[in-house]
Amino acid sequence: MAITVPEGVLRQYYRFSLYNSPFAAHDEGCAIDLYPEGERAPSPVGGEILETKTVQAPPRPYAAEEDHLILVDTGDFVARLLHVKPGVEPGDSVAVGDDLGELVRAGFFAPWVPNHIHLGFRGPDANPYRAAGSLPVEAGVDIDGLAWDGTGTVVEAGETWARLDSPTHPQPGERFVGLSAGGGGVLDGGLPHYERGGVLGGEGNGTARLAGQRVGVAEGRTVVWDDIAVLANGEPVTGVALYCSRDDAGVKLIGENVALAVGERVEVTVSRGGA
């Protein structure tokens, strides 16, 4: 049984992903990461706050020492939210869009990942504290797949990432888009740095392609990546961050070995055999 996150909820966030994470819950799309504007976390669910809990996060020079768990009784399910310092308490009632607290830059995710809310759902009798065990999630919104030829110019860059100007979003702010998987639907996930990815908004069960190049095989909506490496102008990078975006669509290359400057022209290719 899949839990659908409605379009009206998703439009609170400029980006979402079901697979672009190393967390076990994302391996089969059993959680969704939601990226809000600013430093606060608008709630993706309504219900009663059951509990808030602080946990130790992996030590990272760019991240906070602690992360937080918020449990919400939505009626039929328990929502499990991470990466938000709670501004709510057990017994509080919240509606969709209410402020849950401050986003936390947690050591559980990589330095190139922006702050976000991790959302998963459990049955009322399931253990809400385990990392695994969440129900599958569906994004209740149409997603346009964008063709891409593997080239672009760097328009933004940080220490561990660079964003290209292509493909371009046909209707910024109006629709969610992602990179075409080549056979219907859009690619989602960390290619190839997370073990699995996904194909959203399509039928799945086929060859997944990036810019015309085979990158994996879909079984249902989950993709097992091939043994590949991603190259930018012939140099290896950690990979491509794949997600669904409301406002922009340029490809994001990530990794601590990304050395691309704004204005640089880039051609992205795939090398077989992981090298």
Foldseek 3Di string as FASTA:
>chain_A
DAAEQAPVLLLQAFWKFQAAAQQPCSQQSQKMKGHHPDFWDFDSAWAFWAAKDKDAFPDDPVFDRIKMWIWGCRPFWIKIKIQFDAPDGGGDTDHGGDTGHTGGRTNRGDPVDDTTIMIFIAGPPDDNPDSDDTHHYAYNFAEAADADQQKFFFADDDLWKTWGQPDWDPDAQPGKYWHDQVPAAHWAYWVPLHQKTFGHGGQFQAFGDGNNHTFFHTDGGMTGGAQKFKDKVRHTASTWHTTIGRGTYTTMTGHNPDDHDGGDMIGMDMGHNND
